[in-house]
PDB file of all heavy atoms in Angstrom:
ATOM      1  N   GLU A   1      16.108  -7.557   6.339  1.00  0.00           N
ATOM      2  CA  GLU A   1      15.173  -6.681   7.052  1.00  0.00           C
ATOM      3  C   GLU A   1      14.853  -5.437   6.231  1.00  0.00           C
ATOM      4  O   GLU A   1      13.695  -4.987   6.194  1.00  0.00           O
ATOM      5  CB  GLU A   1      15.742  -6.289   8.412  1.00  0.00           C
ATOM      6  CG  GLU A   1      15.760  -7.428   9.408  1.00  0.00           C
ATOM      7  CD  GLU A   1      16.446  -7.062  10.716  1.00  0.00           C
ATOM      8  OE1 GLU A   1      16.819  -5.885  10.901  1.00  0.00           O
ATOM      9  OE2 GLU A   1      16.608  -7.968  11.546  1.00  0.00           O
ATOM     10  N   CYS A   2      15.853  -4.883   5.565  1.00  0.00           N
ATOM     11  CA  CYS A   2      15.627  -3.706   4.711  1.00  0.00           C
ATOM     12  C   CYS A   2      14.723  -4.056   3.531  1.00  0.00           C
ATOM     13  O   CYS A   2      13.813  -3.278   3.183  1.00  0.00           O
ATOM     14  CB  CYS A   2      16.954  -3.153   4.207  1.00  0.00           C
ATOM     15  SG  CYS A   2      17.963  -2.403   5.493  1.00  0.00           S
ATOM     16  N   HIS A   3      14.954  -5.213   2.923  1.00  0.00           N
ATOM     17  CA  HIS A   3      14.105  -5.645   1.814  1.00  0.00           C
ATOM     18  C   HIS A   3      12.672  -5.881   2.298  1.00  0.00           C
ATOM     19  O   HIS A   3      11.711  -5.527   1.607  1.00  0.00           O
ATOM     20  CB  HIS A   3      14.654  -6.916   1.160  1.00  0.00           C
ATOM     21  CG  HIS A   3      15.951  -6.719   0.438  1.00  0.00           C
ATOM     22  ND1 HIS A   3      16.113  -5.814  -0.584  1.00  0.00           N
ATOM     23  CD2 HIS A   3      17.154  -7.324   0.585  1.00  0.00           C
ATOM     24  CE1 HIS A   3      17.359  -5.859  -1.031  1.00  0.00           C
ATOM     25  NE2 HIS A   3      18.012  -6.765  -0.333  1.00  0.00           N
ATOM     26  N   ALA A   4      12.531  -6.476   3.469  1.00  0.00           N
ATOM     27  CA  ALA A   4      11.195  -6.716   4.028  1.00  0.00           C
ATOM     28  C   ALA A   4      10.470  -5.397   4.295  1.00  0.00           C
ATOM     29  O   ALA A   4       9.263  -5.280   4.049  1.00  0.00           O
ATOM     30  CB  ALA A   4      11.297  -7.547   5.302  1.00  0.00           C
ATOM     31  N   THR A   5      11.208  -4.401   4.762  1.00  0.00           N
ATOM     32  CA  THR A   5      10.619  -3.076   4.994  1.00  0.00           C
ATOM     33  C   THR A   5      10.127  -2.466   3.682  1.00  0.00           C
ATOM     34  O   THR A   5       9.048  -1.865   3.634  1.00  0.00           O
ATOM     35  CB  THR A   5      11.642  -2.144   5.669  1.00  0.00           C
ATOM     36  OG1 THR A   5      12.043  -2.724   6.906  1.00  0.00           O
ATOM     37  CG2 THR A   5      11.078  -0.763   5.908  1.00  0.00           C
ATOM     38  N   SER A   6      10.896  -2.654   2.620  1.00  0.00           N
ATOM     39  CA  SER A   6      10.471  -2.146   1.305  1.00  0.00           C
ATOM     40  C   SER A   6       9.207  -2.849   0.827  1.00  0.00           C
ATOM     41  O   SER A   6       8.325  -2.219   0.236  1.00  0.00           O
ATOM     42  CB  SER A   6      11.579  -2.344   0.270  1.00  0.00           C
ATOM     43  OG  SER A   6      12.693  -1.555   0.583  1.00  0.00           O
ATOM     44  N   ILE A   7       9.104  -4.149   1.101  1.00  0.00           N
ATOM     45  CA  ILE A   7       7.903  -4.894   0.724  1.00  0.00           C
ATOM     46  C   ILE A   7       6.697  -4.352   1.494  1.00  0.00           C
ATOM     47  O   ILE A   7       5.623  -4.145   0.924  1.00  0.00           O
ATOM     48  CB  ILE A   7       8.095  -6.403   0.974  1.00  0.00           C
ATOM     49  CG1 ILE A   7       9.095  -6.973  -0.033  1.00  0.00           C
ATOM     50  CG2 ILE A   7       6.766  -7.149   0.889  1.00  0.00           C
ATOM     51  CD1 ILE A   7       9.493  -8.420   0.228  1.00  0.00           C
ATOM     52  N   VAL A   8       6.883  -4.118   2.780  1.00  0.00           N
ATOM     53  CA  VAL A   8       5.786  -3.587   3.599  1.00  0.00           C
ATOM     54  C   VAL A   8       5.343  -2.224   3.071  1.00  0.00           C
ATOM     55  O   VAL A   8       4.142  -1.946   2.966  1.00  0.00           O
ATOM     56  CB  VAL A   8       6.201  -3.512   5.084  1.00  0.00           C
ATOM     57  CG1 VAL A   8       5.188  -2.726   5.900  1.00  0.00           C
ATOM     58  CG2 VAL A   8       6.390  -4.906   5.656  1.00  0.00           C
ATOM     59  N   ARG A   9       6.281  -1.371   2.712  1.00  0.00           N
ATOM     60  CA  ARG A   9       5.931  -0.049   2.176  1.00  0.00           C
ATOM     61  C   ARG A   9       5.153  -0.169   0.867  1.00  0.00           C
ATOM     62  O   ARG A   9       4.193   0.573   0.627  1.00  0.00           O
ATOM     63  CB  ARG A   9       7.184   0.790   1.954  1.00  0.00           C
ATOM     64  CG  ARG A   9       7.759   1.316   3.232  1.00  0.00           C
ATOM     65  CD  ARG A   9       8.892   2.288   2.965  1.00  0.00           C
ATOM     66  NE  ARG A   9       9.489   2.691   4.213  1.00  0.00           N
ATOM     67  CZ  ARG A   9      10.787   2.714   4.453  1.00  0.00           C
ATOM     68  NH1 ARG A   9      11.639   2.366   3.511  1.00  0.00           N
ATOM     69  NH2 ARG A   9      11.257   3.097   5.620  1.00  0.00           N
ATOM     70  N   ALA A  10       5.578  -1.109   0.009  1.00  0.00           N
ATOM     71  CA  ALA A  10       4.873  -1.305  -1.260  1.00  0.00           C
ATOM     72  C   ALA A  10       3.449  -1.802  -1.015  1.00  0.00           C
ATOM     73  O   ALA A  10       2.505  -1.355  -1.677  1.00  0.00           O
ATOM     74  CB  ALA A  10       5.638  -2.290  -2.137  1.00  0.00           C
ATOM     75  N   ILE A  11       3.294  -2.695  -0.054  1.00  0.00           N
ATOM     76  CA  ILE A  11       1.958  -3.196   0.266  1.00  0.00           C
ATOM     77  C   ILE A  11       1.101  -2.080   0.867  1.00  0.00           C
ATOM     78  O   ILE A  11      -0.094  -1.974   0.562  1.00  0.00           O
ATOM     79  CB  ILE A  11       2.046  -4.423   1.197  1.00  0.00           C
ATOM     80  CG1 ILE A  11       2.654  -5.597   0.427  1.00  0.00           C
ATOM     81  CG2 ILE A  11       0.691  -4.792   1.765  1.00  0.00           C
ATOM     82  CD1 ILE A  11       3.019  -6.789   1.269  1.00  0.00           C
ATOM     83  N   GLU A  12       1.705  -1.242   1.690  1.00  0.00           N
ATOM     84  CA  GLU A  12       0.967  -0.102   2.235  1.00  0.00           C
ATOM     85  C   GLU A  12       0.507   0.837   1.122  1.00  0.00           C
ATOM     86  O   GLU A  12      -0.590   1.394   1.174  1.00  0.00           O
ATOM     87  CB  GLU A  12       1.817   0.647   3.256  1.00  0.00           C
ATOM     88  CG  GLU A  12       1.974  -0.088   4.567  1.00  0.00           C
ATOM     89  CD  GLU A  12       2.958   0.577   5.515  1.00  0.00           C
ATOM     90  OE1 GLU A  12       3.756   1.442   5.077  1.00  0.00           O
ATOM     91  OE2 GLU A  12       2.939   0.215   6.711  1.00  0.00           O
ATOM     92  N   ASP A  13       1.348   1.006   0.102  1.00  0.00           N
ATOM     93  CA  ASP A  13       0.954   1.840  -1.031  1.00  0.00           C
ATOM     94  C   ASP A  13      -0.228   1.214  -1.761  1.00  0.00           C
ATOM     95  O   ASP A  13      -1.154   1.919  -2.174  1.00  0.00           O
ATOM     96  CB  ASP A  13       2.131   2.045  -1.985  1.00  0.00           C
ATOM     97  CG  ASP A  13       1.836   3.098  -3.041  1.00  0.00           C
ATOM     98  OD1 ASP A  13       1.242   4.143  -2.691  1.00  0.00           O
ATOM     99  OD2 ASP A  13       2.205   2.884  -4.209  1.00  0.00           O
ATOM    100  N   LEU A  14      -0.225  -0.109  -1.909  1.00  0.00           N
ATOM    101  CA  LEU A  14      -1.371  -0.783  -2.530  1.00  0.00           C
ATOM    102  C   LEU A  14      -2.632  -0.597  -1.692  1.00  0.00           C
ATOM    103  O   LEU A  14      -3.727  -0.419  -2.237  1.00  0.00           O
ATOM    104  CB  LEU A  14      -1.074  -2.275  -2.716  1.00  0.00           C
ATOM    105  CG  LEU A  14      -0.060  -2.630  -3.798  1.00  0.00           C
ATOM    106  CD1 LEU A  14       0.232  -4.128  -3.777  1.00  0.00           C
ATOM    107  CD2 LEU A  14      -0.542  -2.193  -5.170  1.00  0.00           C
ATOM    108  N   LEU A  15      -2.479  -0.640  -0.389  1.00  0.00           N
ATOM    109  CA  LEU A  15      -3.632  -0.400   0.479  1.00  0.00           C
ATOM    110  C   LEU A  15      -4.159   1.023   0.325  1.00  0.00           C
ATOM    111  O   LEU A  15      -5.375   1.253   0.359  1.00  0.00           O
ATOM    112  CB  LEU A  15      -3.269  -0.682   1.939  1.00  0.00           C
ATOM    113  CG  LEU A  15      -3.067  -2.151   2.300  1.00  0.00           C
ATOM    114  CD1 LEU A  15      -2.495  -2.278   3.709  1.00  0.00           C
ATOM    115  CD2 LEU A  15      -4.366  -2.913   2.181  1.00  0.00           C
ATOM    116  N   MET A  16      -3.254   1.987   0.155  1.00  0.00           N
ATOM    117  CA  MET A  16      -3.684   3.370  -0.065  1.00  0.00           C
ATOM    118  C   MET A  16      -4.417   3.510  -1.395  1.00  0.00           C
ATOM    119  O   MET A  16      -5.410   4.238  -1.488  1.00  0.00           O
ATOM    120  CB  MET A  16      -2.490   4.321  -0.008  1.00  0.00           C
ATOM    121  CG  MET A  16      -1.999   4.571   1.404  1.00  0.00           C
ATOM    122  SD  MET A  16      -0.771   5.886   1.522  1.00  0.00           S
ATOM    123  CE  MET A  16       0.649   5.123   0.773  1.00  0.00           C
ATOM    124  N   VAL A  17      -3.940   2.808  -2.424  1.00  0.00           N
ATOM    125  CA  VAL A  17      -4.630   2.829  -3.717  1.00  0.00           C
ATOM    126  C   VAL A  17      -6.026   2.242  -3.555  1.00  0.00           C
ATOM    127  O   VAL A  17      -7.012   2.804  -4.039  1.00  0.00           O
ATOM    128  CB  VAL A  17      -3.824   2.053  -4.788  1.00  0.00           C
ATOM    129  CG1 VAL A  17      -4.663   1.823  -6.037  1.00  0.00           C
ATOM    130  CG2 VAL A  17      -2.548   2.792  -5.138  1.00  0.00           C
ATOM    131  N   SER A  18      -6.103   1.124  -2.858  1.00  0.00           N
ATOM    132  CA  SER A  18      -7.392   0.472  -2.621  1.00  0.00           C
ATOM    133  C   SER A  18      -8.343   1.406  -1.864  1.00  0.00           C
ATOM    134  O   SER A  18      -9.518   1.538  -2.216  1.00  0.00           O
ATOM    135  CB  SER A  18      -7.178  -0.820  -1.829  1.00  0.00           C
ATOM    136  OG  SER A  18      -8.396  -1.393  -1.458  1.00  0.00           O
ATOM    137  N   ARG A  19      -7.820   2.044  -0.852  1.00  0.00           N
ATOM    138  CA  ARG A  19      -8.652   2.973  -0.070  1.00  0.00           C
ATOM    139  C   ARG A  19      -9.121   4.140  -0.929  1.00  0.00           C
ATOM    140  O   ARG A  19     -10.283   4.552  -0.862  1.00  0.00           O
ATOM    141  CB  ARG A  19      -7.877   3.485   1.137  1.00  0.00           C
ATOM    142  CG  ARG A  19      -8.685   4.430   1.975  1.00  0.00           C
ATOM    143  CD  ARG A  19      -7.918   4.919   3.162  1.00  0.00           C
ATOM    144  NE  ARG A  19      -8.746   5.869   3.895  1.00  0.00           N
ATOM    145  CZ  ARG A  19      -8.307   6.626   4.843  1.00  0.00           C
ATOM    146  NH1 ARG A  19      -7.057   6.548   5.237  1.00  0.00           N
ATOM    147  NH2 ARG A  19      -9.108   7.466   5.453  1.00  0.00           N
ATOM    148  N   SER A  20      -8.237   4.664  -1.737  1.00  0.00           N
ATOM    149  CA  SER A  20      -8.588   5.775  -2.615  1.00  0.00           C
ATOM    150  C   SER A  20      -9.683   5.364  -3.600  1.00  0.00           C
ATOM    151  O   SER A  20     -10.626   6.126  -3.842  1.00  0.00           O
ATOM    152  CB  SER A  20      -7.343   6.244  -3.370  1.00  0.00           C
ATOM    153  OG  SER A  20      -7.664   7.190  -4.338  1.00  0.00           O
ATOM    154  N   LEU A  21      -9.563   4.163  -4.154  1.00  0.00           N
ATOM    155  CA  LEU A  21     -10.587   3.677  -5.081  1.00  0.00           C
ATOM    156  C   LEU A  21     -11.925   3.491  -4.370  1.00  0.00           C
ATOM    157  O   LEU A  21     -12.978   3.827  -4.917  1.00  0.00           O
ATOM    158  CB  LEU A  21     -10.149   2.359  -5.718  1.00  0.00           C
ATOM    159  CG  LEU A  21      -9.069   2.470  -6.788  1.00  0.00           C
ATOM    160  CD1 LEU A  21      -8.584   1.087  -7.190  1.00  0.00           C
ATOM    161  CD2 LEU A  21      -9.578   3.236  -7.987  1.00  0.00           C
ATOM    162  N   LYS A  22     -11.879   2.967  -3.147  1.00  0.00           N
ATOM    163  CA  LYS A  22     -13.115   2.780  -2.384  1.00  0.00           C
ATOM    164  C   LYS A  22     -13.772   4.131  -2.097  1.00  0.00           C
ATOM    165  O   LYS A  22     -14.992   4.274  -2.234  1.00  0.00           O
ATOM    166  CB  LYS A  22     -12.835   2.054  -1.073  1.00  0.00           C
ATOM    167  CG  LYS A  22     -12.518   0.596  -1.248  1.00  0.00           C
ATOM    168  CD  LYS A  22     -12.162  -0.035   0.087  1.00  0.00           C
ATOM    169  CE  LYS A  22     -11.665  -1.442  -0.090  1.00  0.00           C
ATOM    170  NZ  LYS A  22     -11.222  -2.026   1.189  1.00  0.00           N
ATOM    171  N   GLU A  23     -12.973   5.101  -1.692  1.00  0.00           N
ATOM    172  CA  GLU A  23     -13.519   6.430  -1.408  1.00  0.00           C
ATOM    173  C   GLU A  23     -14.124   7.049  -2.657  1.00  0.00           C
ATOM    174  O   GLU A  23     -15.211   7.627  -2.614  1.00  0.00           O
ATOM    175  CB  GLU A  23     -12.437   7.338  -0.838  1.00  0.00           C
ATOM    176  CG  GLU A  23     -12.025   7.007   0.573  1.00  0.00           C
ATOM    177  CD  GLU A  23     -10.839   7.828   1.050  1.00  0.00           C
ATOM    178  OE1 GLU A  23     -10.257   8.590   0.252  1.00  0.00           O
ATOM    179  OE2 GLU A  23     -10.493   7.694   2.243  1.00  0.00           O
ATOM    180  N   SER A  24     -13.425   6.905  -3.769  1.00  0.00           N
ATOM    181  CA  SER A  24     -13.941   7.453  -5.026  1.00  0.00           C
ATOM    182  C   SER A  24     -15.218   6.747  -5.431  1.00  0.00           C
ATOM    183  O   SER A  24     -16.156   7.375  -5.930  1.00  0.00           O
ATOM    184  CB  SER A  24     -12.896   7.299  -6.136  1.00  0.00           C
ATOM    185  OG  SER A  24     -11.759   8.061  -5.847  1.00  0.00           O
ATOM    186  N   TRP A  25     -15.260   5.451  -5.226  1.00  0.00           N
ATOM    187  CA  TRP A  25     -16.453   4.689  -5.576  1.00  0.00           C
ATOM    188  C   TRP A  25     -17.634   5.119  -4.716  1.00  0.00           C
ATOM    189  O   TRP A  25     -18.736   5.315  -5.216  1.00  0.00           O
ATOM    190  CB  TRP A  25     -16.172   3.196  -5.418  1.00  0.00           C
ATOM    191  CG  TRP A  25     -17.350   2.336  -5.742  1.00  0.00           C
ATOM    192  CD1 TRP A  25     -17.900   2.131  -6.978  1.00  0.00           C
ATOM    193  CD2 TRP A  25     -18.123   1.579  -4.822  1.00  0.00           C
ATOM    194  NE1 TRP A  25     -18.967   1.289  -6.876  1.00  0.00           N
ATOM    195  CE2 TRP A  25     -19.128   0.921  -5.553  1.00  0.00           C
ATOM    196  CE3 TRP A  25     -18.067   1.385  -3.449  1.00  0.00           C
ATOM    197  CZ2 TRP A  25     -20.058   0.098  -4.959  1.00  0.00           C
ATOM    198  CZ3 TRP A  25     -18.989   0.552  -2.855  1.00  0.00           C
ATOM    199  CH2 TRP A  25     -19.968  -0.073  -3.610  1.00  0.00           C
TER     200      TRP A  25
END
């Protein structure tokens, strides 16, 4: 469960990067 939570956080960070790129674009 702890490892799965870390995966979710990493994916959320990727989503934030994606959102930031979209906003910049």
